[in-house]
Amino acid sequence: MELINRELCLTSHVGTKEILFGGQMLAWADVAASLWCMQLIHSDNVITVHMSDIDFLAPVRVGEIVEFYGEGYKIGRTSVTVKICVKILDPRTGERTEAFRYSCVMVNIDRNLRPRPVPKDVQGKSEGD
């Protein structure tokens, strides 16, 4: 697993049950997936076209650090399928707990939002499948 990004859960990120909104987690995970894909295919023009296997495993509370890890990928002709694993880091104890995981497909696009091939030197690569 490769660490992609970290976020801090703030009071503005939680709802009435004082846990992180699921939509906020999805937004952060989407950014992490985009960052990882951009590095994998050397492109800054990727968009999300599919999300699946979404599992919320543990609640995130204010003050906890949310860590996003790339856990596997498959690079096709114009797309990248990635798996993201999210862990909660309690800064007081150093304990990590898996909080969330999901898979998504990102597509490399041109300026007209049409799919374009990823560089040939990275097509067909995969990790963690």
Protein backbone atom coordinates (compact mmCIF):
# COMPACT_ATOMS: atom_id res chain seq x y z
CA MET A 1 0.00 0.00 0.00
CA GLU A 2 1.21 3.45 -0.88
CA LEU A 3 0.23 6.51 1.17
CA ILE A 4 -1.43 9.05 -1.13
CA ASN A 5 -2.89 11.76 1.08
CA ARG A 6 -4.01 12.71 4.59
CA GLU A 7 -6.91 14.79 5.91
CA LEU A 8 -7.84 15.95 9.41
CA CYS A 9 -11.45 15.43 10.48
CA LEU A 10 -12.79 18.79 11.70
CA THR A 11 -16.11 19.73 13.27
CA SER A 12 -17.24 21.12 9.90
CA HIS A 13 -16.91 17.59 8.43
CA VAL A 14 -19.27 15.80 10.84
CA GLY A 15 -23.03 15.46 11.19
CA THR A 16 -25.44 15.20 14.09
CA LYS A 17 -23.95 11.88 15.24
CA GLU A 18 -20.54 13.58 15.46
CA ILE A 19 -18.99 11.29 12.85
CA LEU A 20 -17.62 12.12 9.42
CA PHE A 21 -20.22 12.58 6.68
CA GLY A 22 -20.07 9.71 4.18
CA GLY A 23 -20.16 12.21 1.32
CA GLN A 24 -17.07 13.95 2.71
CA MET A 25 -15.24 10.62 2.83
CA LEU A 26 -16.23 9.93 -0.78
CA ALA A 27 -15.02 13.39 -1.86
CA TRP A 28 -11.66 12.94 -0.13
CA ALA A 29 -11.31 9.40 -1.54
CA ASP A 30 -12.08 10.68 -5.03
CA VAL A 31 -9.30 13.27 -4.73
CA ALA A 32 -6.88 10.59 -3.47
CA ALA A 33 -7.77 8.29 -6.36
CA SER A 34 -7.25 11.16 -8.82
CA LEU A 35 -3.86 12.04 -7.33
CA TRP A 36 -2.71 8.44 -7.48
CA CYS A 37 -3.91 7.98 -11.07
CA MET A 38 -2.21 11.18 -12.19
CA GLN A 39 1.09 9.84 -10.81
CA LEU A 40 0.61 6.38 -12.31
CA ILE A 41 -0.12 7.55 -15.87
CA HIS A 42 1.75 10.87 -15.84
CA SER A 43 -1.34 12.91 -16.71
CA ASP A 44 -3.25 15.71 -14.98
CA ASN A 45 -6.42 15.10 -17.00
CA VAL A 46 -8.33 12.28 -15.30
CA ILE A 47 -11.98 12.09 -14.32
CA THR A 48 -13.98 9.60 -12.29
CA VAL A 49 -16.39 7.50 -14.34
CA HIS A 50 -17.26 4.69 -11.92
CA MET A 51 -17.21 3.94 -8.18
CA SER A 52 -17.93 0.50 -6.73
CA ASP A 53 -17.31 -1.82 -3.80
CA ILE A 54 -17.84 1.06 -1.37
CA ASP A 55 -17.55 -0.11 2.23
CA PHE A 56 -17.73 2.12 5.29
CA LEU A 57 -16.03 0.04 7.98
CA ALA A 58 -15.52 2.35 10.97
CA PRO A 59 -16.63 5.86 11.93
CA VAL A 60 -14.24 8.80 11.82
CA ARG A 61 -14.41 11.35 14.64
CA VAL A 62 -13.23 14.92 15.05
CA GLY A 63 -9.48 15.13 15.61
CA GLU A 64 -8.65 11.88 13.87
CA ILE A 65 -6.33 11.80 10.88
CA VAL A 66 -7.70 10.11 7.77
CA GLU A 67 -5.04 8.41 5.63
CA PHE A 68 -5.63 7.35 2.03
CA TYR A 69 -3.65 4.46 0.56
CA GLY A 70 -3.46 3.13 -2.98
CA GLU A 71 -3.81 -0.61 -2.73
CA GLY A 72 -3.93 -1.84 -6.30
CA TYR A 73 -4.42 -0.68 -9.83
CA LYS A 74 -4.92 -1.85 -13.38
CA ILE A 75 -4.06 0.41 -16.30
CA GLY A 76 -5.98 -0.03 -19.53
CA ARG A 77 -5.85 1.82 -22.85
CA THR A 78 -7.64 4.98 -21.62
CA SER A 79 -8.56 4.15 -18.03
CA VAL A 80 -7.15 3.24 -14.65
CA THR A 81 -8.99 1.08 -12.13
CA VAL A 82 -7.77 1.77 -8.60
CA LYS A 83 -8.44 0.40 -5.15
CA ILE A 84 -8.29 2.82 -2.24
CA CYS A 85 -7.98 1.82 1.42
CA VAL A 86 -8.60 4.47 4.08
CA LYS A 87 -7.29 4.24 7.62
CA ILE A 88 -8.02 6.32 10.70
CA LEU A 89 -4.96 7.38 12.67
CA ASP A 90 -5.65 8.36 16.28
CA PRO A 91 -2.94 10.96 16.95
CA ARG A 92 -3.19 10.40 20.72
CA THR A 93 -2.39 6.68 20.58
CA GLY A 94 -0.84 6.14 17.15
CA GLU A 95 -3.39 3.37 16.53
CA ARG A 96 -4.61 2.81 12.97
CA THR A 97 -8.01 1.36 12.08
CA GLU A 98 -9.35 0.61 8.61
CA ALA A 99 -12.30 2.93 8.00
CA PHE A 100 -13.25 2.73 4.35
CA ARG A 101 -12.37 1.07 1.07
CA TYR A 102 -13.57 1.38 -2.48
CA SER A 103 -12.70 0.84 -6.13
CA CYS A 104 -13.06 3.32 -8.95
CA VAL A 105 -12.34 3.78 -12.61
CA MET A 106 -10.68 6.97 -13.79
CA VAL A 107 -10.43 7.91 -17.46
CA ASN A 108 -7.66 9.92 -19.06
CA ILE A 109 -9.28 12.72 -21.10
CA ASP A 110 -8.40 15.39 -23.65
CA ARG A 111 -9.42 19.05 -23.38
CA ASN A 112 -12.80 18.22 -24.99
CA LEU A 113 -13.50 15.64 -22.25
CA ARG A 114 -13.07 12.72 -24.62
CA PRO A 115 -11.12 9.62 -23.56
CA ARG A 116 -7.52 9.62 -24.71
CA PRO A 117 -4.97 6.82 -24.47
CA VAL A 118 -2.65 6.70 -21.50
CA PRO A 119 1.03 6.70 -22.45
CA LYS A 120 2.01 3.40 -24.08
CA ASP A 121 4.86 2.84 -21.61
CA VAL A 122 2.34 2.49 -18.74
CA GLN A 123 -0.55 0.72 -20.52
CA GLY A 124 -1.30 -2.76 -19.24
CA LYS A 125 0.47 -2.39 -15.90
CA SER A 126 -1.23 -3.63 -12.77
CA GLU A 127 -0.54 -4.03 -9.08
CA GLY A 128 -2.37 -5.85 -6.34
CA ASP A 129 -4.91 -7.73 -8.45
